[in-house]
Amino acid sequence: MNASPPSFPIALTIAGSDSSGGAGIQADLKTFAAHEVYGASVIVALTAQNTMRVAAIHAVPPDFVAAQIDAVFTDLAVGAVKIGMLANAGLIEAVAAGLARHNARNIVLDPVMVAASGARLLEPDAIAAIRRHLFPLATLVTPNLPEAAALLDTVPAQSDAMIEAQAERLIGLGADAVLVKGGHGSGPNSTDLLRTAAGLQQRLAARRHDTRNTHGTGCTLSSAITANLARGMALGEAVTLAKSYVTAAIAAADHVPIGRGHGPVHHFHHWWDRDGGPK
């Protein structure tokens, strides 16, 4: 069965569900909507979580994940795919096989390992499966500093030179490009490094904002990039605009305080007044 042509851009998120709505599938779909992109989803895990903690994780059986992927791709003309939380190696293999089966394009891999609350979201033995099965499919991989270190079995980078060296090693695992996020670094600016397999390199800096409401920041950035790719943008433009979007979403997060812990960023800041109400 051939996928029907889209009337507007379509992006797919393959990730876990966040019951509090700030990260995972829910954050991705909000971000897609904020970018005027139709969002489809494949849920690989259910989490019982809020802004303070992850209480439980229930992984979806790999064969049912495969069925979701097949259902989406045999009907929708997916322009880009975001991959988020994948709890174990079996899910990683099922997702990789499904995307290869349907010749998926514009794949953004966000190797989620730990929640903002500190809860571990990925089994340790799954890291090798990410490297082996998903890196060769990825248009872009978006690890933060601790995730980049875990993928390379080394310590988190402490300098620009170390970040550049780790980015080069990550490219060597087979991805077309890598965006090493600097949010876990220090200094007044959060600086990300975009490196491509062709050797192009770009730094994207944004001033840090003093807020604890950063739940779902990584999900939001990677899904914004995915939405921009689905709209037909080149990678550099897609990343640059996504960085600006998530920076503004963090800056506006305190205007819609949610929960008692690490609240979510403000996905719809462009359409709401600073006091939190719709324009």
Protein backbone atom coordinates (compact mmCIF):
# COMPACT_ATOMS: atom_id res chain seq x y z
CA MET A 1 0.00 0.00 0.00
CA ASN A 2 1.38 3.40 -0.96
CA ALA A 3 1.36 6.26 1.52
CA SER A 4 -0.91 9.12 0.54
CA PRO A 5 0.64 12.51 -0.27
CA PRO A 6 0.48 14.93 2.65
CA SER A 7 -1.59 18.11 2.49
CA PHE A 8 0.97 19.57 4.89
CA PRO A 9 4.14 18.30 6.58
CA ILE A 10 3.96 15.14 8.70
CA ALA A 11 6.42 14.17 11.43
CA LEU A 12 6.50 10.98 13.48
CA THR A 13 7.69 10.67 17.06
CA ILE A 14 8.81 7.29 18.38
CA ALA A 15 9.22 7.65 22.13
CA GLY A 16 7.81 7.06 25.59
CA SER A 17 4.70 8.63 27.03
CA ASP A 18 5.02 11.17 29.88
CA SER A 19 1.89 11.10 32.02
CA SER A 20 2.58 14.65 33.25
CA GLY A 21 2.68 15.94 29.67
CA GLY A 22 6.00 17.76 29.75
CA ALA A 23 8.35 15.40 27.92
CA GLY A 24 8.31 12.41 25.60
CA ILE A 25 5.47 11.85 23.16
CA GLN A 26 3.39 14.67 24.63
CA ALA A 27 6.16 17.26 24.33
CA ASP A 28 6.95 16.10 20.80
CA LEU A 29 3.36 16.43 19.59
CA LYS A 30 3.05 19.88 21.18
CA THR A 31 6.25 20.93 19.45
CA PHE A 32 5.10 19.58 16.09
CA ALA A 33 1.84 21.52 16.48
CA ALA A 34 3.72 24.68 17.41
CA HIS A 35 5.60 24.36 14.12
CA GLU A 36 2.40 23.74 12.12
CA VAL A 37 3.38 20.14 11.41
CA TYR A 38 1.00 17.18 11.70
CA GLY A 39 2.23 14.78 14.35
CA ALA A 40 1.91 10.99 14.40
CA SER A 41 3.24 8.79 17.20
CA VAL A 42 4.56 5.35 18.02
CA ILE A 43 4.58 4.75 21.77
CA VAL A 44 7.37 2.45 22.95
CA ALA A 45 6.91 2.83 26.71
CA LEU A 46 4.47 4.14 29.29
CA THR A 47 5.80 6.06 32.25
CA ALA A 48 4.10 6.98 35.51
CA GLN A 49 5.79 10.29 36.12
CA ASN A 50 5.27 13.88 37.15
CA THR A 51 7.51 16.92 37.46
CA MET A 52 9.24 15.44 40.52
CA ARG A 53 9.94 11.81 39.67
CA VAL A 54 9.45 8.79 37.45
CA ALA A 55 7.53 6.26 39.53
CA ALA A 56 7.33 3.40 37.03
CA ILE A 57 8.13 2.44 33.43
CA HIS A 58 6.20 -0.12 31.38
CA ALA A 59 7.81 -1.05 28.06
CA VAL A 60 5.56 -1.86 25.10
CA PRO A 61 6.25 -5.27 23.47
CA PRO A 62 8.55 -4.89 20.44
CA ASP A 63 6.11 -6.62 18.09
CA PHE A 64 3.41 -4.09 18.95
CA VAL A 65 5.88 -1.26 18.39
CA ALA A 66 6.58 -2.75 14.96
CA ALA A 67 2.83 -2.90 14.26
CA GLN A 68 2.49 0.81 15.11
CA ILE A 69 5.36 1.72 12.78
CA ASP A 70 3.83 -0.31 9.95
CA ALA A 71 0.40 1.26 10.53
CA VAL A 72 1.78 4.78 10.29
CA PHE A 73 4.06 4.30 7.29
CA THR A 74 1.56 2.36 5.18
CA ASP A 75 -0.89 5.29 5.35
CA LEU A 76 0.92 8.55 6.13
CA ALA A 77 3.65 10.23 4.07
CA VAL A 78 6.07 10.81 6.93
CA GLY A 79 8.58 13.55 6.17
CA ALA A 80 10.76 13.19 9.27
CA VAL A 81 11.09 10.96 12.33
CA LYS A 82 12.14 11.78 15.88
CA ILE A 83 13.35 8.90 18.08
CA GLY A 84 13.31 9.50 21.82
CA MET A 85 13.23 7.19 24.83
CA LEU A 86 13.81 3.53 23.93
CA ALA A 87 13.95 1.58 27.16
CA ASN A 88 15.77 -1.57 26.07
CA ALA A 89 17.67 -3.32 23.29
CA GLY A 90 14.61 -5.22 22.03
CA LEU A 91 12.74 -1.97 21.38
CA ILE A 92 15.78 -0.42 19.71
CA GLU A 93 16.07 -3.36 17.32
CA ALA A 94 12.35 -3.27 16.51
CA VAL A 95 12.44 0.46 15.78
CA ALA A 96 15.57 0.18 13.62
CA ALA A 97 14.07 -2.68 11.61
CA GLY A 98 10.78 -0.84 11.14
CA LEU A 99 12.41 2.36 9.93
CA ALA A 100 14.65 0.45 7.54
CA ARG A 101 11.66 -1.55 6.28
CA HIS A 102 9.89 1.67 5.27
CA ASN A 103 12.96 3.59 4.06
CA ALA A 104 12.33 6.35 6.59
CA ARG A 105 14.17 9.61 6.02
CA ASN A 106 15.20 12.63 8.08
CA ILE A 107 15.69 10.61 11.26
CA VAL A 108 16.59 12.60 14.40
CA LEU A 109 17.87 10.39 17.22
CA ASP A 110 17.70 11.82 20.73
CA PRO A 111 19.45 9.18 22.88
CA VAL A 112 17.44 9.77 26.06
CA MET A 113 19.04 8.08 29.05
CA VAL A 114 18.08 10.03 32.18
CA ALA A 115 15.01 12.14 33.02
CA ALA A 116 15.26 15.70 34.39
CA SER A 117 14.33 14.23 37.78
CA GLY A 118 17.39 11.96 37.63
CA ALA A 119 15.55 8.71 36.89
CA ARG A 120 17.31 6.34 34.48
CA LEU A 121 15.22 5.70 31.36
CA LEU A 122 17.51 3.35 29.44
CA GLU A 123 18.87 -0.05 30.41
CA PRO A 124 22.70 -0.05 30.43
CA ASP A 125 23.03 -2.81 27.81
CA ALA A 126 20.87 -0.81 25.40
CA ILE A 127 23.62 1.73 24.72
CA ALA A 128 25.50 -0.69 22.50
CA ALA A 129 22.27 -1.42 20.59
CA ILE A 130 21.78 2.30 19.93
CA ARG A 131 25.27 2.54 18.50
CA ARG A 132 24.90 -0.58 16.38
CA HIS A 133 21.35 -0.26 15.06
CA LEU A 134 20.30 3.39 15.13
CA PHE A 135 23.40 5.46 14.43
CA PRO A 136 23.71 4.18 10.83
CA LEU A 137 20.10 5.28 10.17
CA ALA A 138 20.35 8.71 11.78
CA THR A 139 20.38 11.99 9.91
CA LEU A 140 21.21 13.68 13.22
CA VAL A 141 22.00 12.48 16.74
CA THR A 142 21.39 14.96 19.59
CA PRO A 143 23.12 13.85 22.82
CA ASN A 144 23.77 16.14 25.76
CA LEU A 145 27.24 16.05 27.34
CA PRO A 146 26.56 13.09 29.70
CA GLU A 147 24.82 11.13 26.92
CA ALA A 148 27.69 11.72 24.50
CA ALA A 149 30.10 10.42 27.12
CA ALA A 150 27.95 7.34 27.79
CA LEU A 151 27.70 6.55 24.07
CA LEU A 152 31.49 6.67 23.84
CA ASP A 153 32.17 5.03 27.22
CA THR A 154 34.20 7.99 28.43
CA VAL A 155 33.92 11.01 30.75
CA PRO A 156 31.79 14.07 29.93
CA ALA A 157 33.64 16.71 27.93
CA GLN A 158 35.00 19.63 29.94
CA SER A 159 36.30 21.85 27.13
CA ASP A 160 35.54 22.88 23.57
CA ALA A 161 38.36 20.67 22.33
CA MET A 162 36.94 17.63 24.16
CA ILE A 163 33.45 18.33 22.78
CA GLU A 164 34.85 18.54 19.24
CA ALA A 165 36.76 15.29 19.69
CA GLN A 166 33.69 13.48 21.02
CA ALA A 167 31.54 14.84 18.20
CA GLU A 168 34.03 13.46 15.68
CA ARG A 169 34.00 10.05 17.39
CA LEU A 170 30.18 10.01 17.38
CA ILE A 171 30.17 10.75 13.65
CA GLY A 172 32.47 7.76 13.28
CA LEU A 173 29.66 5.53 14.58
CA GLY A 174 27.73 6.11 11.35
CA ALA A 175 25.41 9.10 11.77
CA ASP A 176 25.27 11.82 9.13
CA ALA A 177 25.58 14.55 11.77
CA VAL A 178 25.68 15.08 15.51
CA LEU A 179 24.54 17.96 17.71
CA VAL A 180 26.30 17.84 21.08
CA LYS A 181 24.15 19.91 23.44
CA GLY A 182 25.89 22.09 25.99
CA GLY A 183 23.08 22.59 28.47
CA HIS A 184 24.93 20.57 31.13
CA GLY A 185 28.02 22.72 30.73
CA SER A 186 28.95 25.87 32.62
CA GLY A 187 29.19 29.57 31.84
CA PRO A 188 26.61 32.21 30.93
CA ASN A 189 25.81 30.63 27.58
CA SER A 190 24.55 27.19 26.60
CA THR A 191 26.51 26.32 23.48
CA ASP A 192 25.73 23.38 21.19
CA LEU A 193 28.11 21.98 18.59
CA LEU A 194 26.76 20.80 15.23
CA ARG A 195 29.18 18.57 13.32
CA THR A 196 28.48 16.76 10.05
CA ALA A 197 30.14 13.78 8.44
CA ALA A 198 31.22 16.11 5.63
CA GLY A 199 33.31 18.04 8.16
CA LEU A 200 31.08 21.10 8.55
CA GLN A 201 31.04 22.52 12.06
CA GLN A 202 28.83 25.17 13.66
CA ARG A 203 28.43 26.44 17.20
CA LEU A 204 25.04 27.65 18.42
CA ALA A 205 25.06 29.70 21.61
CA ALA A 206 22.17 31.02 23.69
CA ARG A 207 22.15 32.77 27.05
CA ARG A 208 21.16 30.57 29.97
CA HIS A 209 17.92 31.32 31.83
CA ASP A 210 17.62 30.91 35.58
CA THR A 211 14.69 28.51 35.85
CA ARG A 212 14.09 25.03 37.18
CA ASN A 213 11.35 24.49 34.59
CA THR A 214 13.38 22.59 32.02
CA HIS A 215 11.45 19.30 31.91
CA GLY A 216 11.40 18.00 28.34
CA THR A 217 14.00 20.44 26.99
CA GLY A 218 15.89 17.78 25.03
CA CYS A 219 12.70 16.24 23.65
CA THR A 220 11.50 19.66 22.59
CA LEU A 221 14.72 20.59 20.79
CA SER A 222 14.96 17.33 18.86
CA SER A 223 11.29 17.39 17.89
CA ALA A 224 11.60 21.03 16.75
CA ILE A 225 14.49 19.99 14.50
CA THR A 226 12.37 17.10 13.21
CA ALA A 227 9.45 19.42 12.46
CA ASN A 228 11.73 21.77 10.54
CA LEU A 229 13.14 18.88 8.50
CA ALA A 230 9.60 17.73 7.73
CA ARG A 231 8.93 21.24 6.41
CA GLY A 232 11.80 20.82 3.96
CA MET A 233 14.54 22.82 5.66
CA ALA A 234 18.22 22.02 5.30
CA LEU A 235 19.82 20.58 8.44
CA GLY A 236 21.73 23.72 9.47
CA GLU A 237 18.65 25.92 9.23
CA ALA A 238 16.49 23.32 10.97
CA VAL A 239 18.89 23.15 13.92
CA THR A 240 19.40 26.92 14.17
CA LEU A 241 15.68 27.71 14.22
CA ALA A 242 15.00 24.88 16.67
CA LYS A 243 17.65 26.24 19.03
CA SER A 244 15.97 29.65 18.97
CA TYR A 245 12.56 28.07 19.58
CA VAL A 246 13.61 26.01 22.60
CA THR A 247 15.56 28.93 24.08
CA ALA A 248 12.42 31.06 23.96
CA ALA A 249 10.37 28.16 25.38
CA ILE A 250 12.74 27.94 28.36
CA ALA A 251 12.68 31.72 28.86
CA ALA A 252 8.86 31.66 28.98
CA ALA A 253 8.55 28.52 31.13
CA ASP A 254 8.01 30.36 34.41
CA HIS A 255 4.95 32.11 33.01
CA VAL A 256 3.02 28.83 33.00
CA PRO A 257 4.27 27.08 36.17
CA ILE A 258 3.23 23.42 36.21
CA GLY A 259 3.78 21.00 39.09
CA ARG A 260 6.02 21.14 42.14
CA GLY A 261 9.27 19.94 40.57
CA HIS A 262 10.96 20.54 37.22
CA GLY A 263 8.08 21.99 35.21
CA PRO A 264 7.87 21.88 31.41
CA VAL A 265 9.05 24.49 28.95
CA HIS A 266 6.42 26.68 27.29
CA HIS A 267 5.80 25.01 23.94
CA PHE A 268 3.28 27.61 22.74
CA HIS A 269 5.12 30.76 23.80
CA HIS A 270 4.67 32.33 20.35
CA TRP A 271 0.89 32.28 20.71
CA TRP A 272 0.41 33.09 24.40
CA ASP A 273 0.94 36.35 26.28
CA ARG A 274 3.70 36.47 28.88
CA ASP A 275 1.12 36.10 31.67
CA GLY A 276 0.26 32.65 30.33
CA GLY A 277 -3.03 33.41 28.58
CA PRO A 278 -3.79 33.02 24.87
CA LYS A 279 -3.25 36.08 22.69
